[in-house]
C-alpha atoms as a PDB file:
ATOM      1  CA  UNK A   1     119.910 122.815 103.023  1.00  0.00           C
ATOM      2  CA  UNK A   2     117.670 125.439 104.621  1.00  0.00           C
ATOM      3  CA  UNK A   3     113.926 125.424 103.951  1.00  0.00           C
ATOM      4  CA  UNK A   4     110.827 127.563 104.195  1.00  0.00           C
ATOM      5  CA  UNK A   5     107.658 126.066 105.607  1.00  0.00           C
ATOM      6  CA  UNK A   6     104.576 127.656 104.036  1.00  0.00           C
ATOM      7  CA  UNK A   7     101.332 127.363 105.984  1.00  0.00           C
ATOM      8  CA  UNK A   8      98.042 127.648 104.143  1.00  0.00           C
ATOM      9  CA  UNK A   9      94.803 127.757 106.110  1.00  0.00           C
ATOM     10  CA  UNK A  10      91.650 127.869 104.021  1.00  0.00           C
ATOM     11  CA  UNK A  11      87.893 127.744 104.533  1.00  0.00           C
ATOM     12  CA  UNK A  12      86.324 125.677 103.159  1.00  0.00           C
ATOM     13  CA  UNK A  13      89.242 123.279 103.213  1.00  0.00           C
ATOM     14  CA  UNK A  14      88.001 121.116 100.324  1.00  0.00           C
ATOM     15  CA  UNK A  15      88.673 121.297  97.483  1.00  0.00           C
ATOM     16  CA  UNK A  16      90.941 124.291  98.023  1.00  0.00           C
ATOM     17  CA  UNK A  17      93.712 122.521  99.910  1.00  0.00           C
ATOM     18  CA  UNK A  18      94.079 120.029  97.047  1.00  0.00           C
ATOM     19  CA  UNK A  19      93.951 122.838  94.512  1.00  0.00           C
ATOM     20  CA  UNK A  20      96.723 124.576  96.429  1.00  0.00           C
ATOM     21  CA  UNK A  21      98.938 121.470  96.236  1.00  0.00           C
ATOM     22  CA  UNK A  22      98.406 121.244  92.480  1.00  0.00           C
ATOM     23  CA  UNK A  23      99.306 124.926  92.077  1.00  0.00           C
ATOM     24  CA  UNK A  24     102.370 124.728  94.277  1.00  0.00           C
ATOM     25  CA  UNK A  25     103.576 121.578  92.474  1.00  0.00           C
ATOM     26  CA  UNK A  26     104.541 123.872  89.596  1.00  0.00           C
ATOM     27  CA  UNK A  27     107.198 125.321  91.918  1.00  0.00           C
ATOM     28  CA  UNK A  28     110.147 123.369  93.414  1.00  0.00           C
ATOM     29  CA  UNK A  29     108.296 122.352  96.596  1.00  0.00           C
ATOM     30  CA  UNK A  30     109.593 119.046  97.936  1.00  0.00           C
ATOM     31  CA  UNK A  31     106.944 117.970 100.425  1.00  0.00           C
ATOM     32  CA  UNK A  32     103.348 118.633 101.460  1.00  0.00           C
ATOM     33  CA  UNK A  33     101.630 117.771 104.739  1.00  0.00           C
ATOM     34  CA  UNK A  34      97.853 117.844 105.192  1.00  0.00           C
ATOM     35  CA  UNK A  35      96.504 119.674 108.217  1.00  0.00           C
ATOM     36  CA  UNK A  36      92.969 120.006 109.563  1.00  0.00           C
ATOM     37  CA  UNK A  37      92.669 123.501 108.123  1.00  0.00           C
ATOM     38  CA  UNK A  38      94.882 123.334 105.030  1.00  0.00           C
ATOM     39  CA  UNK A  39      98.427 122.261 104.189  1.00  0.00           C
ATOM     40  CA  UNK A  40     102.078 122.759 105.048  1.00  0.00           C
ATOM     41  CA  UNK A  41     104.441 123.022 102.075  1.00  0.00           C
ATOM     42  CA  UNK A  42     108.232 122.867 102.101  1.00  0.00           C
ATOM     43  CA  UNK A  43     110.559 124.542  99.611  1.00  0.00           C
ATOM     44  CA  UNK A  44     114.364 125.037  99.604  1.00  0.00           C
ATOM     45  CA  UNK A  45     115.141 128.507 100.888  1.00  0.00           C
ATOM     46  CA  UNK A  46     117.131 129.402  97.791  1.00  0.00           C
ATOM     47  CA  UNK A  47     114.125 128.597  95.579  1.00  0.00           C
ATOM     48  CA  UNK A  48     111.534 130.555  97.543  1.00  0.00           C
ATOM     49  CA  UNK A  49     110.117 133.738  96.012  1.00  0.00           C
ATOM     50  CA  UNK A  50     107.429 135.117  98.311  1.00  0.00           C
ATOM     51  CA  UNK A  51     105.873 137.446  95.711  1.00  0.00           C
ATOM     52  CA  UNK A  52     105.428 134.616  93.225  1.00  0.00           C
ATOM     53  CA  UNK A  53     103.672 132.357  95.758  1.00  0.00           C
ATOM     54  CA  UNK A  54     101.438 135.190  96.915  1.00  0.00           C
ATOM     55  CA  UNK A  55     100.511 136.046  93.334  1.00  0.00           C
ATOM     56  CA  UNK A  56      99.675 132.399  92.637  1.00  0.00           C
ATOM     57  CA  UNK A  57      96.923 132.405  95.249  1.00  0.00           C
ATOM     58  CA  UNK A  58      95.644 135.878  94.340  1.00  0.00           C
ATOM     59  CA  UNK A  59      95.257 134.748  90.707  1.00  0.00           C
ATOM     60  CA  UNK A  60      93.718 131.319  91.384  1.00  0.00           C
ATOM     61  CA  UNK A  61      91.739 131.440  94.616  1.00  0.00           C
ATOM     62  CA  UNK A  62      88.265 132.890  94.152  1.00  0.00           C
ATOM     63  CA  UNK A  63      85.983 134.771  96.540  1.00  0.00           C
ATOM     64  CA  UNK A  64      84.461 131.410  97.477  1.00  0.00           C
ATOM     65  CA  UNK A  65      87.381 130.699  99.789  1.00  0.00           C
ATOM     66  CA  UNK A  66      88.903 132.573 102.695  1.00  0.00           C
ATOM     67  CA  UNK A  67      92.579 131.834 103.239  1.00  0.00           C
ATOM     68  CA  UNK A  68      95.733 132.917 105.040  1.00  0.00           C
ATOM     69  CA  UNK A  69      99.372 132.300 104.122  1.00  0.00           C
ATOM     70  CA  UNK A  70     102.348 132.424 106.458  1.00  0.00           C
ATOM     71  CA  UNK A  71     105.977 131.341 106.241  1.00  0.00           C
ATOM     72  CA  UNK A  72     108.611 130.003 108.615  1.00  0.00           C
ATOM     73  CA  UNK A  73     112.330 129.619 107.981  1.00  0.00           C
ATOM     74  CA  UNK A  74     113.710 126.173 108.962  1.00  0.00           C
ATOM     75  CA  UNK A  75     117.434 125.727 109.323  1.00  0.00           C
ATOM     76  CA  UNK A  76     118.947 122.523 107.993  1.00  0.00           C
ATOM     77  CA  UNK A  77     119.688 121.031 111.411  1.00  0.00           C
ATOM     78  CA  UNK A  78     116.037 121.341 112.449  1.00  0.00           C
ATOM     79  CA  UNK A  79     114.575 119.589 109.424  1.00  0.00           C
ATOM     80  CA  UNK A  80     114.660 116.001 110.686  1.00  0.00           C
ATOM     81  CA  UNK A  81     113.198 117.031 114.029  1.00  0.00           C
ATOM     82  CA  UNK A  82     110.367 118.725 112.182  1.00  0.00           C
ATOM     83  CA  UNK A  83     109.637 115.626 110.135  1.00  0.00           C
ATOM     84  CA  UNK A  84     109.715 113.414 113.231  1.00  0.00           C
ATOM     85  CA  UNK A  85     107.135 115.613 114.927  1.00  0.00           C
ATOM     86  CA  UNK A  86     104.781 115.386 111.906  1.00  0.00           C
ATOM     87  CA  UNK A  87     105.407 111.856 110.678  1.00  0.00           C
ATOM     88  CA  UNK A  88     102.635 109.465 111.686  1.00  0.00           C
ATOM     89  CA  UNK A  89     102.440 105.766 110.728  1.00  0.00           C
ATOM     90  CA  UNK A  90     100.814 105.189 107.339  1.00  0.00           C
ATOM     91  CA  UNK A  91      98.784 102.108 106.427  1.00  0.00           C
ATOM     92  CA  UNK A  92      97.724 100.995 102.923  1.00  0.00           C
ATOM     93  CA  UNK A  93      94.726  98.819 103.596  1.00  0.00           C
ATOM     94  CA  UNK A  94      95.567  95.716 105.600  1.00  0.00           C
ATOM     95  CA  UNK A  95      98.599  94.899 103.475  1.00  0.00           C
ATOM     96  CA  UNK A  96     101.279  97.537 104.073  1.00  0.00           C
ATOM     97  CA  UNK A  97     102.552  99.791 106.855  1.00  0.00           C
ATOM     98  CA  UNK A  98     105.007 102.628 106.333  1.00  0.00           C
ATOM     99  CA  UNK A  99     106.798 103.348 109.587  1.00  0.00           C
ATOM    100  CA  UNK A 100     109.731 105.447 110.775  1.00  0.00           C
ATOM    101  CA  UNK A 101     112.445 103.977 113.018  1.00  0.00           C
ATOM    102  CA  UNK A 102     110.992 105.853 115.995  1.00  0.00           C
ATOM    103  CA  UNK A 103     107.507 104.308 115.590  1.00  0.00           C
ATOM    104  CA  UNK A 104     106.108 101.431 117.629  1.00  0.00           C
ATOM    105  CA  UNK A 105     106.730  98.409 115.400  1.00  0.00           C
ATOM    106  CA  UNK A 106     103.703  96.659 116.859  1.00  0.00           C
ATOM    107  CA  UNK A 107     101.644  98.947 114.631  1.00  0.00           C
ATOM    108  CA  UNK A 108     102.843  97.036 111.564  1.00  0.00           C
ATOM    109  CA  UNK A 109     100.508  95.267 109.140  1.00  0.00           C
ATOM    110  CA  UNK A 110     101.489  92.241 106.982  1.00  0.00           C
ATOM    111  CA  UNK A 111     104.249  94.088 105.087  1.00  0.00           C
ATOM    112  CA  UNK A 112     106.446  96.916 106.479  1.00  0.00           C
ATOM    113  CA  UNK A 113     108.567  99.602 104.869  1.00  0.00           C
ATOM    114  CA  UNK A 114     110.720 101.580 107.274  1.00  0.00           C
ATOM    115  CA  UNK A 115     111.453 105.118 106.107  1.00  0.00           C
ATOM    116  CA  UNK A 116     113.640 107.710 107.760  1.00  0.00           C
ATOM    117  CA  UNK A 117     111.682 110.887 106.924  1.00  0.00           C
ATOM    118  CA  UNK A 118     114.133 113.462 105.681  1.00  0.00           C
ATOM    119  CA  UNK A 119     113.559 116.042 102.945  1.00  0.00           C
ATOM    120  CA  UNK A 120     112.252 113.769 100.221  1.00  0.00           C
ATOM    121  CA  UNK A 121     108.659 113.655  99.064  1.00  0.00           C
ATOM    122  CA  UNK A 122     107.026 110.249  99.465  1.00  0.00           C
ATOM    123  CA  UNK A 123     106.559 109.327 103.098  1.00  0.00           C
ATOM    124  CA  UNK A 124     103.262 107.652 102.258  1.00  0.00           C
ATOM    125  CA  UNK A 125     101.137 110.367 103.768  1.00  0.00           C
ATOM    126  CA  UNK A 126     100.087 111.765 100.427  1.00  0.00           C
ATOM    127  CA  UNK A 127      97.161 110.132  98.665  1.00  0.00           C
ATOM    128  CA  UNK A 128      99.131 109.579  95.479  1.00  0.00           C
ATOM    129  CA  UNK A 129     101.806 107.513  97.225  1.00  0.00           C
ATOM    130  CA  UNK A 130      99.169 105.298  98.775  1.00  0.00           C
ATOM    131  CA  UNK A 131      97.406 104.899  95.425  1.00  0.00           C
ATOM    132  CA  UNK A 132     100.645 103.815  93.759  1.00  0.00           C
ATOM    133  CA  UNK A 133     101.385 101.367  96.577  1.00  0.00           C
ATOM    134  CA  UNK A 134      97.892  99.943  96.189  1.00  0.00           C
ATOM    135  CA  UNK A 135      98.415  99.374  92.466  1.00  0.00           C
ATOM    136  CA  UNK A 136     101.786  97.717  93.065  1.00  0.00           C
ATOM    137  CA  UNK A 137     100.389  95.400  95.699  1.00  0.00           C
ATOM    138  CA  UNK A 138      97.927  94.094  93.110  1.00  0.00           C
ATOM    139  CA  UNK A 139     100.479  93.736  90.309  1.00  0.00           C
ATOM    140  CA  UNK A 140     102.600  90.700  89.447  1.00  0.00           C
ATOM    141  CA  UNK A 141     106.040  92.176  90.153  1.00  0.00           C
ATOM    142  CA  UNK A 142     108.106  89.026  90.686  1.00  0.00           C
ATOM    143  CA  UNK A 143     111.128  88.850  88.388  1.00  0.00           C
ATOM    144  CA  UNK A 144     110.326  92.188  86.721  1.00  0.00           C
ATOM    145  CA  UNK A 145     112.603  95.060  85.684  1.00  0.00           C
ATOM    146  CA  UNK A 146     111.228  98.297  87.226  1.00  0.00           C
ATOM    147  CA  UNK A 147     111.870 102.010  86.698  1.00  0.00           C
ATOM    148  CA  UNK A 148     110.772 104.335  89.522  1.00  0.00           C
ATOM    149  CA  UNK A 149     110.728 107.964  88.262  1.00  0.00           C
ATOM    150  CA  UNK A 150     110.715 110.727  90.882  1.00  0.00           C
ATOM    151  CA  UNK A 151     111.581 108.162  93.547  1.00  0.00           C
ATOM    152  CA  UNK A 152     111.668 110.620  96.500  1.00  0.00           C
ATOM    153  CA  UNK A 153     112.253 108.508  99.594  1.00  0.00           C
ATOM    154  CA  UNK A 154     112.302 105.279  97.543  1.00  0.00           C
ATOM    155  CA  UNK A 155     109.079 103.842  98.946  1.00  0.00           C
ATOM    156  CA  UNK A 156     107.826 102.489  95.626  1.00  0.00           C
ATOM    157  CA  UNK A 157     111.239 101.074  94.689  1.00  0.00           C
ATOM    158  CA  UNK A 158     111.471  99.333  98.094  1.00  0.00           C
ATOM    159  CA  UNK A 159     107.958  97.919  97.751  1.00  0.00           C
ATOM    160  CA  UNK A 160     108.802  96.638  94.249  1.00  0.00           C
ATOM    161  CA  UNK A 161     111.801  94.737  95.620  1.00  0.00           C
ATOM    162  CA  UNK A 162     109.763  93.370  98.502  1.00  0.00           C
ATOM    163  CA  UNK A 163     107.260  92.082  95.941  1.00  0.00           C
ATOM    164  CA  UNK A 164     109.998  90.246  94.048  1.00  0.00           C
ATOM    165  CA  UNK A 165     111.231  92.620  91.352  1.00  0.00           C
ATOM    166  CA  UNK A 166     114.516  91.495  89.843  1.00  0.00           C
ATOM    167  CA  UNK A 167     115.975  94.991  89.364  1.00  0.00           C
ATOM    168  CA  UNK A 168     114.820  98.521  90.166  1.00  0.00           C
ATOM    169  CA  UNK A 169     116.245 101.782  88.807  1.00  0.00           C
ATOM    170  CA  UNK A 170     115.198 104.640  91.146  1.00  0.00           C
ATOM    171  CA  UNK A 171     115.639 108.098  89.554  1.00  0.00           C
ATOM    172  CA  UNK A 172     115.202 111.583  90.946  1.00  0.00           C
ATOM    173  CA  UNK A 173     116.363 115.030  89.853  1.00  0.00           C
ATOM    174  CA  UNK A 174     117.424 115.871  93.426  1.00  0.00           C
ATOM    175  CA  UNK A 175     120.681 114.345  94.650  1.00  0.00           C
ATOM    176  CA  UNK A 176     119.536 114.327  98.263  1.00  0.00           C
ATOM    177  CA  UNK A 177     116.436 112.337  97.265  1.00  0.00           C
ATOM    178  CA  UNK A 178     118.690 109.735  95.658  1.00  0.00           C
ATOM    179  CA  UNK A 179     120.831 109.660  98.811  1.00  0.00           C
ATOM    180  CA  UNK A 180     117.705 109.215 100.927  1.00  0.00           C
ATOM    181  CA  UNK A 181     116.473 106.426  98.628  1.00  0.00           C
ATOM    182  CA  UNK A 182     119.787 104.591  98.970  1.00  0.00           C
ATOM    183  CA  UNK A 183     119.725 105.002 102.780  1.00  0.00           C
ATOM    184  CA  UNK A 184     116.136 103.724 102.967  1.00  0.00           C
ATOM    185  CA  UNK A 185     116.922 100.802 100.628  1.00  0.00           C
ATOM    186  CA  UNK A 186     119.749  99.751 102.959  1.00  0.00           C
ATOM    187  CA  UNK A 187     117.455 100.218 105.960  1.00  0.00           C
ATOM    188  CA  UNK A 188     115.008  97.748 104.389  1.00  0.00           C
ATOM    189  CA  UNK A 189     117.748  95.267 103.401  1.00  0.00           C
ATOM    190  CA  UNK A 190     117.220  95.910  99.679  1.00  0.00           C
ATOM    191  CA  UNK A 191     120.003  94.858  97.292  1.00  0.00           C
ATOM    192  CA  UNK A 192     118.375  95.311  93.851  1.00  0.00           C
ATOM    193  CA  UNK A 193     117.778  99.060  93.852  1.00  0.00           C
ATOM    194  CA  UNK A 194     120.077 101.432  91.964  1.00  0.00           C
ATOM    195  CA  UNK A 195     119.677 105.107  92.803  1.00  0.00           C
ATOM    196  CA  UNK A 196     120.464 107.592  90.044  1.00  0.00           C
ATOM    197  CA  UNK A 197     120.319 111.396  89.954  1.00  0.00           C
ATOM    198  CA  UNK A 198     118.879 112.968  86.804  1.00  0.00           C
ATOM    199  CA  UNK A 199     115.880 113.118  84.487  1.00  0.00           C
ATOM    200  CA  UNK A 200     114.895 110.938  81.514  1.00  0.00           C
ATOM    201  CA  UNK A 201     118.156 111.784  79.760  1.00  0.00           C
ATOM    202  CA  UNK A 202     120.118 109.857  82.404  1.00  0.00           C
ATOM    203  CA  UNK A 203     118.399 106.579  81.529  1.00  0.00           C
ATOM    204  CA  UNK A 204     120.024 104.566  78.744  1.00  0.00           C
ATOM    205  CA  UNK A 205     118.245 101.328  79.666  1.00  0.00           C
ATOM    206  CA  UNK A 206     115.116 100.124  77.845  1.00  0.00           C
ATOM    207  CA  UNK A 207     112.709  97.184  78.001  1.00  0.00           C
ATOM    208  CA  UNK A 208     111.313  97.902  81.459  1.00  0.00           C
ATOM    209  CA  UNK A 209     108.456  95.635  82.561  1.00  0.00           C
ATOM    210  CA  UNK A 210     107.025  98.293  84.895  1.00  0.00           C
ATOM    211  CA  UNK A 211     107.450 102.054  85.097  1.00  0.00           C
ATOM    212  CA  UNK A 212     106.254 103.987  88.143  1.00  0.00           C
ATOM    213  CA  UNK A 213     105.902 107.771  87.899  1.00  0.00           C
ATOM    214  CA  UNK A 214     104.376 109.733  90.768  1.00  0.00           C
ATOM    215  CA  UNK A 215     105.330 113.272  89.797  1.00  0.00           C
ATOM    216  CA  UNK A 216     102.943 115.948  88.522  1.00  0.00           C
ATOM    217  CA  UNK A 217     100.702 116.421  85.502  1.00  0.00           C
ATOM    218  CA  UNK A 218     102.939 118.598  83.379  1.00  0.00           C
ATOM    219  CA  UNK A 219     106.066 116.509  83.811  1.00  0.00           C
ATOM    220  CA  UNK A 220     104.096 113.317  83.151  1.00  0.00           C
ATOM    221  CA  UNK A 221     102.694 114.744  79.912  1.00  0.00           C
ATOM    222  CA  UNK A 222     106.199 115.658  78.818  1.00  0.00           C
ATOM    223  CA  UNK A 223     107.637 112.258  79.744  1.00  0.00           C
ATOM    224  CA  UNK A 224     104.901 110.027  78.305  1.00  0.00           C
ATOM    225  CA  UNK A 225     106.628 109.448  74.931  1.00  0.00           C
ATOM    226  CA  UNK A 226     109.805 108.395  76.762  1.00  0.00           C
ATOM    227  CA  UNK A 227     107.899 106.076  79.108  1.00  0.00           C
ATOM    228  CA  UNK A 228     106.261 104.426  76.092  1.00  0.00           C
ATOM    229  CA  UNK A 229     109.656 104.000  74.363  1.00  0.00           C
ATOM    230  CA  UNK A 230     111.253 102.448  77.427  1.00  0.00           C
ATOM    231  CA  UNK A 231     108.514  99.934  78.146  1.00  0.00           C
ATOM    232  CA  UNK A 232     108.797  96.446  76.705  1.00  0.00           C
ATOM    233  CA  UNK A 233     105.834  95.046  74.773  1.00  0.00           C
ATOM    234  CA  UNK A 234     102.868  94.670  77.118  1.00  0.00           C
ATOM    235  CA  UNK A 235     104.809  96.529  79.817  1.00  0.00           C
ATOM    236  CA  UNK A 236     102.879  98.382  82.523  1.00  0.00           C
ATOM    237  CA  UNK A 237     102.942 102.106  83.366  1.00  0.00           C
ATOM    238  CA  UNK A 238     101.531 103.478  86.611  1.00  0.00           C
ATOM    239  CA  UNK A 239     101.011 107.262  86.894  1.00  0.00           C
ATOM    240  CA  UNK A 240      99.999 109.459  89.769  1.00  0.00           C
ATOM    241  CA  UNK A 241     100.570 112.954  91.153  1.00  0.00           C
ATOM    242  CA  UNK A 242      97.477 114.666  89.688  1.00  0.00           C
ATOM    243  CA  UNK A 243      93.763 115.254  90.230  1.00  0.00           C
ATOM    244  CA  UNK A 244      90.852 113.234  88.898  1.00  0.00           C
ATOM    245  CA  UNK A 245      90.114 116.207  86.658  1.00  0.00           C
ATOM    246  CA  UNK A 246      93.467 115.705  84.907  1.00  0.00           C
ATOM    247  CA  UNK A 247      92.892 112.020  84.146  1.00  0.00           C
ATOM    248  CA  UNK A 248      91.253 112.419  80.741  1.00  0.00           C
ATOM    249  CA  UNK A 249      94.100 114.605  79.440  1.00  0.00           C
ATOM    250  CA  UNK A 250      96.628 111.998  80.523  1.00  0.00           C
ATOM    251  CA  UNK A 251      94.612 109.123  79.038  1.00  0.00           C
ATOM    252  CA  UNK A 252      94.383 110.931  75.712  1.00  0.00           C
ATOM    253  CA  UNK A 253      98.098 111.800  75.650  1.00  0.00           C
ATOM    254  CA  UNK A 254      99.030 108.259  76.646  1.00  0.00           C
ATOM    255  CA  UNK A 255      96.871 106.809  73.894  1.00  0.00           C
ATOM    256  CA  UNK A 256      98.668 108.971  71.334  1.00  0.00           C
ATOM    257  CA  UNK A 257     102.005 107.325  72.218  1.00  0.00           C
ATOM    258  CA  UNK A 258     100.838 103.728  72.205  1.00  0.00           C
ATOM    259  CA  UNK A 259      99.673 103.225  75.773  1.00  0.00           C
ATOM    260  CA  UNK A 260      96.322 101.553  76.472  1.00  0.00           C
ATOM    261  CA  UNK A 261      94.358 102.668  79.533  1.00  0.00           C
ATOM    262  CA  UNK A 262      93.611  99.756  81.896  1.00  0.00           C
ATOM    263  CA  UNK A 263      92.246 101.087  85.186  1.00  0.00           C
ATOM    264  CA  UNK A 264      91.984 104.021  87.561  1.00  0.00           C
ATOM    265  CA  UNK A 265      92.156 104.505  91.340  1.00  0.00           C
ATOM    266  CA  UNK A 266      91.110 107.577  93.311  1.00  0.00           C
ATOM    267  CA  UNK A 267      91.473 108.814  96.846  1.00  0.00           C
ATOM    268  CA  UNK A 268      89.670 112.056  97.680  1.00  0.00           C
ATOM    269  CA  UNK A 269      90.410 114.264  94.642  1.00  0.00           C
ATOM    270  CA  UNK A 270      93.667 112.506  93.706  1.00  0.00           C
ATOM    271  CA  UNK A 271      94.102 109.943  90.952  1.00  0.00           C
ATOM    272  CA  UNK A 272      96.347 107.113  89.744  1.00  0.00           C
ATOM    273  CA  UNK A 273      96.193 105.445  86.327  1.00  0.00           C
ATOM    274  CA  UNK A 274      97.369 102.103  84.925  1.00  0.00           C
ATOM    275  CA  UNK A 275      98.354 101.707  81.286  1.00  0.00           C
ATOM    276  CA  UNK A 276      99.739  98.850  79.169  1.00  0.00           C
ATOM    277  CA  UNK A 277     102.091  99.215  76.234  1.00  0.00           C
ATOM    278  CA  UNK A 278     100.444  98.234  72.972  1.00  0.00           C
ATOM    279  CA  UNK A 279     103.800  97.399  71.381  1.00  0.00           C
ATOM    280  CA  UNK A 280     104.008  93.870  69.998  1.00  0.00           C
ATOM    281  CA  UNK A 281     106.874  91.397  70.476  1.00  0.00           C
END
């Protein structure tokens, strides 16, 4: 698959780079990379409409920010090389390191996930992935049945198995993300992860102990009733992929479908939320 790389440089960088990611998340962008002056965003070439992206920034960026947009076409065979050049080791506190095969393994912390960075979102560089990993590292996962929605590279599914989950269903709407998840699961010697391509309608299973969903605000709001239905009594839901400013809307919507807010984590302007099902046995 061919891609376009969109480069946004903005001054001041904050909060406009984060706002740009939230705006672009409404389009089929697969990955975002922070830079010192803005972001890089990657979208399949057949999904890219230059006029729509340009209009998005004209409509939403105010006179408070100066910005430039540029694009670069990336042929399929160059994609992995591009990721390798950008992909730095990621550390979540002192507990977890996310490394690629070409990294120095001596950089590893207590726990290691090895990811081959291809086209999937979720290399650990984004704040939301780190927030979700942090929540999982604190959670009792041993023996649990886990659903990972929008699995991307499979990082959260792999971490769940490393922490002792009994079964993990990793779902993504992109078939190449599912393929990447399966490859990365094998790379990390995982045997309890099932990759599946689709949306909520592809999931017939119920009674999950834990659901992980790191997607974006609008999809999460749409999926919340289904997450609630598929959780077992006292099951746990972790959400991320949105800004702190979106948290109250998600808490309210979650409460309306029987989910009780437990706690919140933030990194820069990004947010993750923990809920518990209020269903009774």
